[in-house]
Amino acid sequence: MNTKEILNMIDTGKLDQVLSRLYGNEESTVSRQRDRFRTAVETYSSFFPENTDEVFLFSAPGRTEVGGNHTDHQHGRVLAAAVNMDILAVVGKRKDMMVNLQSDGYPMISVDISDLEIKEKEKAKTSALIRGVAARFLQLGEKISGLDIYSVSSVPRGSGLSSSAAFEVLMGTVFDQLFCGGRTGPEEIARIGQYAENVYFDKACGLMDQMVSSVGGFVKIDFLDPQSPSISRYDVSLEDGGLCLIVTDTKGSHAKLSDEYTRIPLEMHCVAEAMGHSVLREVGEEEFYKALPRLREDPSISDRAILRSAHFFADDRRAEEEAEALSKKDFSRFLELVNESGDSSAVFLQNLFCCDILQNLFCCDIPEEQGIPLGLLLSRKVLAGEGAVRVHGGGFAGTIQAFVPKEKVDEYIGTLEGVFGKGACHLLRIRPEGGIRLL
């Protein structure tokens, strides 16, 4: 299909049903997405006028973590969901091995995917992800070629909605659909994205973000075997429970927080090793509690490490219970569990703001930056015992997540944006599709 034919489909409403499923069925939402798609196709044509005879549309979503806060690195269980913020791409095949990516608002990137060598100068750059995804397909014996791509993203960077995983899944879905006949499948596409980020982008990451973006819907992942995690998908609409999902950016900086994030798995690993195991999932919860007197006597293990480990056992179990509640559409129980998880993250995991152990005292390293606790305070004031709210993702700075009754959405957004600024709140839907070819 050429660009003119695609534009005609958009303008005549032939894509409206798909747009409604991905983004929401309100007329204003569908109209806004029509405009977005039309602009994307027209912009692609302006950058790649010589490659408009056969063009394809792709989309890959961001994701939100729902349950299992900092459990995946201990081979635990998580619950997460794809959301209706996505990366949209207009794609044309090339006969050579060049991938040309023009992302909205950024300089064009060109990558020769006949060269699979890891480039030091590319690490932490988008070009590394392109080369890494392509390299993995080629290593798996697939025959792929170059692409011209125009992309536009509604997944805010630094929002905790995982724009990087969405891009990796987008690239994997494009290669799979255009060259592999769709046989790679969403789970392998997620692993390919993780490989690109670990090996070429040079960033350690688990598999949760890519898996949720690739699979779509609510997804429970059990990392008992991290090389082959168990995946369960739930097609549940929060609207059935009268709820809206809002993620709010509290505008805290992630700069200089690497040590804070590293300490959580490190402390949990220390406890596991003290009990003769490599990760906490291998330790029985009763065994852990019986060992507390001995653990406290170990000079290498702090009380915070013990508390964080206790959080793991409870939140690992809660992720399973949250998924079960959703499968039964027991939204009351689901919200109760989300609030319990948030409280556990605050009190035991201790990832609401930067903190450290100094001379056996709990002290705050950056006392002036407590945006997440402030966001939680305001949320609870508005919700007044309804809905649920918790820290979102890794914590320490960034975002909070709230499940808000529909009738309180305007008040909630007005209150939170009154403190954190206009545009801080992202009103989201759970997206039932993962990475997808639209046309």
Protein backbone atom coordinates (compact mmCIF):
# COMPACT_ATOMS: atom_id res chain seq x y z
CA MET A 1 0.00 0.00 0.00
CA ASN A 2 1.40 3.41 -0.94
CA THR A 3 1.24 6.56 1.17
CA LYS A 4 -1.71 8.03 -0.76
CA GLU A 5 -3.75 4.88 -0.18
CA ILE A 6 -2.91 4.91 3.53
CA LEU A 7 -3.89 8.56 3.84
CA ASN A 8 -7.20 7.75 2.16
CA MET A 9 -7.83 4.94 4.68
CA ILE A 10 -7.15 7.33 7.54
CA ASP A 11 -9.37 10.10 6.14
CA THR A 12 -12.30 7.77 5.34
CA GLY A 13 -12.30 6.25 8.83
CA LYS A 14 -11.22 2.76 7.77
CA LEU A 15 -8.65 2.69 10.59
CA ASP A 16 -11.05 4.02 13.25
CA GLN A 17 -11.85 0.61 14.74
CA VAL A 18 -8.15 -0.14 15.24
CA LEU A 19 -7.53 3.33 16.67
CA SER A 20 -10.41 2.87 19.12
CA ARG A 21 -9.00 -0.43 20.35
CA LEU A 22 -5.48 0.92 20.84
CA TYR A 23 -6.14 4.40 22.19
CA GLY A 24 -9.75 4.65 23.41
CA ASN A 25 -13.12 4.94 21.73
CA GLU A 26 -13.99 8.57 22.50
CA GLU A 27 -14.50 10.51 19.28
CA SER A 28 -12.02 13.18 20.38
CA THR A 29 -9.38 10.49 20.97
CA VAL A 30 -9.98 8.81 17.61
CA SER A 31 -9.93 12.18 15.84
CA ARG A 32 -6.65 13.12 17.53
CA GLN A 33 -5.08 9.82 16.49
CA ARG A 34 -6.32 10.25 12.90
CA ASP A 35 -4.49 13.57 12.81
CA ARG A 36 -1.39 12.01 14.37
CA PHE A 37 -1.32 9.13 11.87
CA ARG A 38 -1.96 11.45 8.93
CA THR A 39 0.87 13.76 10.00
CA ALA A 40 3.22 10.80 10.46
CA VAL A 41 2.55 9.47 6.95
CA GLU A 42 2.92 12.91 5.38
CA THR A 43 6.15 13.55 7.28
CA TYR A 44 7.54 10.18 6.23
CA SER A 45 6.84 11.14 2.60
CA SER A 46 8.72 14.41 3.00
CA PHE A 47 11.83 12.67 4.37
CA PHE A 48 11.74 9.62 2.10
CA PRO A 49 9.96 10.76 -1.10
CA GLU A 50 11.67 8.07 -3.18
CA ASN A 51 10.29 5.25 -0.99
CA THR A 52 6.52 5.76 -0.81
CA ASP A 53 5.20 3.00 -3.09
CA GLU A 54 5.04 0.33 -0.38
CA VAL A 55 4.71 1.61 3.16
CA PHE A 56 3.70 -0.01 6.47
CA LEU A 57 2.42 1.25 9.83
CA PHE A 58 3.64 -0.11 13.17
CA SER A 59 3.06 0.68 16.84
CA ALA A 60 4.63 -0.47 20.12
CA PRO A 61 3.35 0.60 23.56
CA GLY A 62 4.92 1.84 26.73
CA ARG A 63 4.27 -0.07 29.92
CA THR A 64 3.35 0.54 33.53
CA GLU A 65 4.45 -1.60 36.46
CA VAL A 66 1.50 -2.58 38.65
CA GLY A 67 2.68 -5.17 41.19
CA GLY A 68 5.95 -6.71 42.29
CA ASN A 69 8.13 -3.70 43.05
CA HIS A 70 11.82 -4.69 42.77
CA THR A 71 11.05 -8.40 42.69
CA ASP A 72 12.20 -9.36 39.18
CA HIS A 73 15.93 -9.20 39.95
CA GLN A 74 15.35 -11.79 42.68
CA HIS A 75 13.59 -14.09 40.16
CA GLY A 76 10.21 -13.12 41.59
CA ARG A 77 6.81 -12.36 40.08
CA VAL A 78 5.64 -9.07 38.60
CA LEU A 79 2.40 -7.69 37.23
CA ALA A 80 2.60 -4.98 34.58
CA ALA A 81 0.51 -3.66 31.71
CA ALA A 82 0.88 -2.13 28.27
CA VAL A 83 -0.54 1.39 27.99
CA ASN A 84 -2.00 3.51 25.22
CA MET A 85 1.06 5.74 24.94
CA ASP A 86 3.14 4.35 22.08
CA ILE A 87 5.75 4.78 19.40
CA LEU A 88 4.13 5.02 15.98
CA ALA A 89 6.28 4.25 12.94
CA VAL A 90 5.84 4.60 9.19
CA VAL A 91 8.20 2.16 7.49
CA GLY A 92 9.44 1.42 4.00
CA LYS A 93 11.74 -1.43 2.97
CA ARG A 94 15.12 -0.77 1.36
CA LYS A 95 17.12 -3.02 -0.97
CA ASP A 96 20.38 -2.34 0.84
CA MET A 97 21.32 -2.86 4.53
CA MET A 98 20.94 0.73 5.70
CA VAL A 99 18.39 1.56 8.40
CA ASN A 100 17.52 5.25 8.30
CA LEU A 101 15.53 6.44 11.32
CA GLN A 102 14.00 9.89 11.45
CA SER A 103 12.43 10.33 14.88
CA ASP A 104 10.23 13.36 15.42
CA GLY A 105 12.35 16.21 16.80
CA TYR A 106 15.71 14.43 16.46
CA PRO A 107 18.48 14.25 13.83
CA MET A 108 18.30 11.34 11.39
CA ILE A 109 20.20 8.19 12.38
CA SER A 110 21.66 5.88 9.73
CA VAL A 111 22.94 2.42 10.68
CA ASP A 112 24.55 -0.11 8.34
CA ILE A 113 23.21 -3.41 9.66
CA SER A 114 25.59 -5.44 7.54
CA ASP A 115 28.12 -4.48 10.23
CA LEU A 116 27.25 -6.37 13.44
CA GLU A 117 30.28 -5.24 15.45
CA ILE A 118 29.55 -3.67 18.83
CA LYS A 119 30.56 0.00 18.66
CA GLU A 120 31.94 1.65 21.79
CA LYS A 121 30.93 5.10 20.52
CA GLU A 122 27.33 3.89 20.01
CA LYS A 123 26.75 2.64 23.54
CA ALA A 124 23.78 4.33 25.23
CA LYS A 125 22.59 5.58 21.83
CA THR A 126 19.55 4.68 19.74
CA SER A 127 21.81 3.47 16.93
CA ALA A 128 23.10 0.74 19.28
CA LEU A 129 19.56 -0.56 19.79
CA ILE A 130 18.93 -0.64 16.03
CA ARG A 131 22.18 -2.51 15.39
CA GLY A 132 21.60 -4.85 18.33
CA VAL A 133 18.07 -5.83 17.31
CA ALA A 134 19.17 -6.36 13.69
CA ALA A 135 22.21 -8.33 14.81
CA ARG A 136 20.12 -10.72 16.87
CA PHE A 137 17.76 -11.42 13.96
CA LEU A 138 20.73 -12.13 11.72
CA GLN A 139 22.34 -14.33 14.39
CA LEU A 140 19.09 -16.31 14.53
CA GLY A 141 19.45 -17.00 10.82
CA GLU A 142 16.83 -14.58 9.55
CA LYS A 143 17.28 -12.65 6.31
CA ILE A 144 16.54 -8.96 6.82
CA SER A 145 17.39 -5.78 4.95
CA GLY A 146 17.42 -2.04 5.43
CA LEU A 147 14.54 0.28 6.26
CA ASP A 148 13.43 3.88 6.05
CA ILE A 149 11.53 4.80 9.22
CA TYR A 150 9.75 7.87 10.48
CA SER A 151 8.68 7.56 14.13
CA VAL A 152 6.79 9.71 16.59
CA SER A 153 6.45 8.83 20.26
CA SER A 154 3.83 9.69 22.86
CA VAL A 155 5.80 7.82 25.55
CA PRO A 156 7.52 10.57 27.56
CA ARG A 157 11.19 9.96 28.21
CA GLY A 158 11.98 9.56 31.90
CA SER A 159 8.30 8.94 32.69
CA GLY A 160 8.84 5.40 33.94
CA LEU A 161 6.71 4.10 31.04
CA SER A 162 9.76 2.60 29.34
CA SER A 163 10.24 4.36 26.04
CA SER A 164 13.43 2.37 25.39
CA ALA A 165 11.65 -1.00 25.62
CA ALA A 166 8.89 0.30 23.35
CA PHE A 167 11.49 1.24 20.74
CA GLU A 168 13.21 -2.14 20.98
CA VAL A 169 9.88 -3.93 20.58
CA LEU A 170 8.97 -1.64 17.67
CA MET A 171 12.17 -2.54 15.81
CA GLY A 172 11.75 -6.22 16.58
CA THR A 173 8.14 -6.18 15.38
CA VAL A 174 9.12 -4.40 12.15
CA PHE A 175 11.84 -6.93 11.30
CA ASP A 176 9.61 -9.84 12.28
CA GLN A 177 6.58 -8.74 10.27
CA LEU A 178 8.38 -7.52 7.15
CA PHE A 179 11.02 -10.24 6.84
CA CYS A 180 10.08 -13.23 9.03
CA GLY A 181 6.38 -13.60 8.33
CA GLY A 182 5.52 -12.97 11.98
CA ARG A 183 7.01 -16.28 13.11
CA THR A 184 9.36 -14.77 15.70
CA GLY A 185 6.50 -14.04 18.08
CA PRO A 186 6.13 -11.50 20.92
CA GLU A 187 8.09 -13.38 23.59
CA GLU A 188 11.16 -13.85 21.41
CA ILE A 189 10.90 -10.23 20.22
CA ALA A 190 11.08 -9.20 23.89
CA ARG A 191 14.23 -11.29 24.39
CA ILE A 192 15.76 -9.74 21.27
CA GLY A 193 15.10 -6.28 22.70
CA GLN A 194 16.71 -7.23 26.01
CA TYR A 195 19.73 -8.61 24.14
CA ALA A 196 20.14 -5.33 22.21
CA GLU A 197 19.94 -3.27 25.40
CA ASN A 198 22.29 -5.52 27.39
CA VAL A 199 24.93 -6.18 24.74
CA TYR A 200 24.91 -3.28 22.28
CA PHE A 201 23.39 -0.42 24.31
CA ASP A 202 25.44 -1.61 27.33
CA LYS A 203 22.72 -1.28 29.94
CA ALA A 204 21.83 -4.04 32.36
CA CYS A 205 18.10 -4.64 32.33
CA GLY A 206 15.67 -7.43 33.01
CA LEU A 207 13.01 -8.68 30.64
CA MET A 208 9.85 -7.21 32.17
CA ASP A 209 9.62 -3.98 30.16
CA GLN A 210 10.19 -5.57 26.76
CA MET A 211 7.89 -8.52 27.50
CA VAL A 212 4.95 -6.34 28.52
CA SER A 213 5.39 -3.97 25.57
CA SER A 214 5.57 -6.92 23.19
CA VAL A 215 2.71 -9.02 24.62
CA GLY A 216 0.17 -6.30 25.53
CA GLY A 217 -2.64 -6.17 28.10
CA PHE A 218 -2.06 -6.99 31.77
CA VAL A 219 0.87 -9.40 31.97
CA LYS A 220 2.02 -11.49 34.93
CA ILE A 221 5.61 -12.67 34.57
CA ASP A 222 7.18 -15.30 36.80
CA PHE A 223 10.97 -15.09 36.66
CA LEU A 224 11.63 -18.32 38.57
CA ASP A 225 13.53 -19.36 35.43
CA PRO A 226 14.80 -16.00 34.14
CA GLN A 227 15.91 -17.53 30.84
CA SER A 228 12.40 -18.81 30.17
CA PRO A 229 9.95 -16.86 32.36
CA SER A 230 6.34 -17.94 32.63
CA ILE A 231 3.95 -15.45 30.98
CA SER A 232 0.24 -15.06 31.75
CA ARG A 233 -1.85 -12.42 29.98
CA TYR A 234 -5.12 -10.91 31.26
CA ASP A 235 -7.51 -8.99 29.01
CA VAL A 236 -9.11 -6.81 31.68
CA SER A 237 -10.48 -3.28 31.37
CA LEU A 238 -10.13 -0.93 34.33
CA GLU A 239 -13.21 0.87 33.03
CA ASP A 240 -15.23 -2.17 34.14
CA GLY A 241 -14.25 -1.24 37.69
CA GLY A 242 -15.01 2.45 37.20
CA LEU A 243 -11.30 3.26 37.40
CA CYS A 244 -8.81 5.36 35.48
CA LEU A 245 -5.05 4.91 35.62
CA ILE A 246 -2.94 8.04 36.14
CA VAL A 247 0.84 8.18 36.29
CA THR A 248 2.24 11.46 37.60
CA ASP A 249 5.75 12.79 37.09
CA THR A 250 6.82 14.38 40.37
CA LYS A 251 9.72 16.02 38.50
CA GLY A 252 12.49 14.54 40.65
CA SER A 253 15.86 14.07 38.99
CA HIS A 254 17.29 10.58 38.43
CA ALA A 255 20.79 12.03 38.27
CA LYS A 256 23.21 10.53 40.77
CA LEU A 257 20.74 7.82 41.74
CA SER A 258 22.60 4.83 40.28
CA ASP A 259 23.92 3.83 43.70
CA GLU A 260 20.44 3.94 45.21
CA TYR A 261 19.05 1.57 42.58
CA THR A 262 22.09 -0.72 42.81
CA ARG A 263 21.86 -1.06 46.58
CA ILE A 264 18.41 -2.67 46.50
CA PRO A 265 19.35 -5.86 44.60
CA LEU A 266 22.78 -5.84 46.25
CA GLU A 267 21.31 -5.88 49.75
CA MET A 268 18.77 -8.54 48.81
CA HIS A 269 21.54 -10.67 47.28
CA CYS A 270 23.56 -10.33 50.51
CA VAL A 271 20.68 -11.78 52.51
CA ALA A 272 20.16 -14.60 50.02
CA GLU A 273 23.87 -15.47 50.04
CA ALA A 274 23.94 -15.47 53.83
CA MET A 275 21.30 -18.17 53.63
CA GLY A 276 23.20 -20.19 51.05
CA HIS A 277 21.33 -19.06 47.94
CA SER A 278 21.96 -16.65 45.07
CA VAL A 279 18.53 -14.94 44.99
CA LEU A 280 15.68 -14.58 47.46
CA ARG A 281 13.23 -16.58 45.33
CA GLU A 282 15.28 -19.67 46.27
CA VAL A 283 14.79 -18.91 49.98
CA GLY A 284 11.62 -20.01 51.75
CA GLU A 285 9.78 -17.17 53.49
CA GLU A 286 9.46 -19.12 56.75
CA GLU A 287 13.15 -20.01 56.51
CA PHE A 288 13.94 -16.29 56.16
CA TYR A 289 11.99 -15.28 59.25
CA LYS A 290 13.49 -18.07 61.34
CA ALA A 291 16.95 -16.87 60.34
CA LEU A 292 16.41 -13.25 61.47
CA PRO A 293 18.38 -13.55 64.74
CA ARG A 294 21.36 -14.94 62.84
CA LEU A 295 21.03 -12.39 60.01
CA ARG A 296 21.07 -9.48 62.47
CA GLU A 297 24.30 -10.76 63.97
CA ASP A 298 25.98 -10.78 60.54
CA PRO A 299 28.01 -7.52 60.28
CA SER A 300 27.65 -7.52 56.49
CA ILE A 301 23.85 -7.34 56.64
CA SER A 302 22.03 -4.18 57.67
CA ASP A 303 18.55 -3.96 59.11
CA ARG A 304 17.53 -2.25 55.86
CA ALA A 305 18.68 -5.29 53.87
CA ILE A 306 16.47 -7.45 56.07
CA LEU A 307 13.49 -5.12 55.63
CA ARG A 308 13.99 -4.99 51.87
CA SER A 309 14.10 -8.77 51.76
CA ALA A 310 10.87 -8.96 53.76
CA HIS A 311 9.32 -6.64 51.16
CA PHE A 312 10.38 -9.03 48.42
CA PHE A 313 8.58 -12.01 49.94
CA ALA A 314 5.36 -10.06 50.47
CA ASP A 315 5.32 -8.24 47.14
CA ASP A 316 6.22 -11.37 45.20
CA ARG A 317 3.15 -13.00 46.69
CA ARG A 318 1.01 -9.88 46.15
CA ALA A 319 1.78 -9.78 42.41
CA GLU A 320 0.23 -13.24 42.09
CA GLU A 321 -2.78 -12.19 44.19
CA GLU A 322 -3.27 -8.99 42.17
CA ALA A 323 -3.36 -10.98 38.94
CA GLU A 324 -5.89 -13.40 40.43
CA ALA A 325 -8.09 -10.49 41.59
CA LEU A 326 -8.02 -8.96 38.11
CA SER A 327 -8.88 -12.27 36.47
CA LYS A 328 -12.00 -12.37 38.67
CA LYS A 329 -12.65 -8.64 38.15
CA ASP A 330 -12.50 -8.25 41.92
CA PHE A 331 -11.41 -4.63 41.73
CA SER A 332 -11.92 -4.00 45.45
CA ARG A 333 -9.37 -6.68 46.35
CA PHE A 334 -7.06 -5.51 43.57
CA LEU A 335 -7.01 -1.94 44.92
CA GLU A 336 -6.43 -3.20 48.45
CA LEU A 337 -3.37 -5.12 47.25
CA VAL A 338 -2.02 -2.14 45.29
CA ASN A 339 -2.21 0.01 48.42
CA GLU A 340 -0.53 -2.71 50.47
CA SER A 341 2.27 -2.89 47.92
CA GLY A 342 2.73 0.87 48.03
CA ASP A 343 2.91 0.85 51.81
CA SER A 344 5.46 -1.96 51.72
CA SER A 345 7.62 -0.06 49.23
CA ALA A 346 7.53 2.98 51.49
CA VAL A 347 8.20 1.30 54.83
CA PHE A 348 10.26 -1.78 54.02
CA LEU A 349 11.75 -1.38 50.53
CA GLN A 350 12.37 2.31 51.32
CA ASN A 351 12.50 3.65 47.75
CA LEU A 352 10.44 6.81 48.04
CA PHE A 353 13.40 9.16 48.39
CA CYS A 354 17.18 8.94 48.62
CA CYS A 355 18.34 7.44 51.87
CA ASP A 356 21.28 5.59 53.36
CA ILE A 357 22.50 3.92 56.48
CA LEU A 358 25.02 6.03 58.39
CA GLN A 359 26.28 4.90 61.77
CA ASN A 360 23.19 2.68 62.09
CA LEU A 361 20.89 5.67 61.67
CA PHE A 362 18.31 6.06 58.89
CA CYS A 363 19.07 9.40 57.28
CA CYS A 364 18.06 11.24 54.14
CA ASP A 365 20.83 12.11 51.67
CA ILE A 366 18.80 14.68 49.73
CA PRO A 367 16.11 15.94 52.15
CA GLU A 368 14.95 18.71 49.82
CA GLU A 369 13.85 16.22 47.13
CA GLN A 370 10.84 14.24 48.31
CA GLY A 371 8.51 14.63 45.36
CA ILE A 372 7.22 11.07 45.50
CA PRO A 373 6.07 11.24 49.16
CA LEU A 374 4.50 14.63 48.39
CA GLY A 375 2.67 13.15 45.41
CA LEU A 376 1.42 10.26 47.53
CA LEU A 377 0.22 12.69 50.23
CA LEU A 378 -1.78 14.74 47.73
CA SER A 379 -3.15 11.62 46.07
CA ARG A 380 -4.43 10.17 49.32
CA LYS A 381 -6.04 13.51 50.20
CA VAL A 382 -7.99 13.53 46.95
CA LEU A 383 -8.81 9.82 46.92
CA ALA A 384 -10.00 9.91 50.54
CA GLY A 385 -9.89 6.15 50.98
CA GLU A 386 -11.02 5.25 47.46
CA GLY A 387 -8.88 3.91 44.62
CA ALA A 388 -5.20 3.22 45.21
CA VAL A 389 -1.82 4.93 44.88
CA ARG A 390 1.80 3.80 45.03
CA VAL A 391 5.32 4.62 43.92
CA HIS A 392 5.83 3.68 40.28
CA GLY A 393 8.84 1.74 39.05
CA GLY A 394 12.27 1.99 40.61
CA GLY A 395 11.43 4.87 42.90
CA PHE A 396 13.59 7.51 44.64
CA ALA A 397 12.55 10.08 42.02
CA GLY A 398 10.18 10.21 39.09
CA THR A 399 6.63 8.91 39.04
CA ILE A 400 3.73 7.68 41.13
CA GLN A 401 0.80 5.58 39.94
CA ALA A 402 -2.82 6.00 40.95
CA PHE A 403 -6.01 4.08 40.22
CA VAL A 404 -8.60 6.84 40.41
CA PRO A 405 -12.42 6.54 40.39
CA LYS A 406 -13.73 8.17 37.20
CA GLU A 407 -15.68 10.80 39.09
CA LYS A 408 -12.50 12.03 40.80
CA VAL A 409 -10.23 12.23 37.75
CA ASP A 410 -10.61 15.97 37.14
CA GLU A 411 -10.05 16.81 40.81
CA TYR A 412 -7.06 14.47 40.97
CA ILE A 413 -5.33 15.89 37.90
CA GLY A 414 -6.08 19.47 38.94
CA THR A 415 -4.60 18.90 42.41
CA LEU A 416 -1.47 17.07 41.30
CA GLU A 417 -0.72 19.35 38.35
CA GLY A 418 -1.33 22.35 40.60
CA VAL A 419 1.80 21.26 42.50
CA PHE A 420 3.92 19.46 39.89
CA GLY A 421 2.99 21.53 36.84
CA LYS A 422 0.75 21.25 33.81
CA GLY A 423 1.27 18.03 31.90
CA ALA A 424 2.68 16.16 34.92
CA CYS A 425 -0.26 13.74 34.94
CA HIS A 426 -0.65 11.09 32.23
CA LEU A 427 -4.16 9.65 31.99
CA LEU A 428 -3.66 6.14 30.63
CA ARG A 429 -5.62 3.16 29.37
CA ILE A 430 -4.51 -0.44 29.42
CA ARG A 431 -3.72 -1.34 25.82
CA PRO A 432 -4.84 -4.83 24.78
CA GLU A 433 -2.24 -5.09 22.00
CA GLY A 434 1.53 -5.19 22.23
CA GLY A 435 3.87 -4.49 19.33
CA ILE A 436 1.71 -4.58 16.21
CA ARG A 437 1.66 -4.04 12.47
CA LEU A 438 -1.37 -1.91 11.64
CA LEU A 439 -1.04 -1.89 7.84
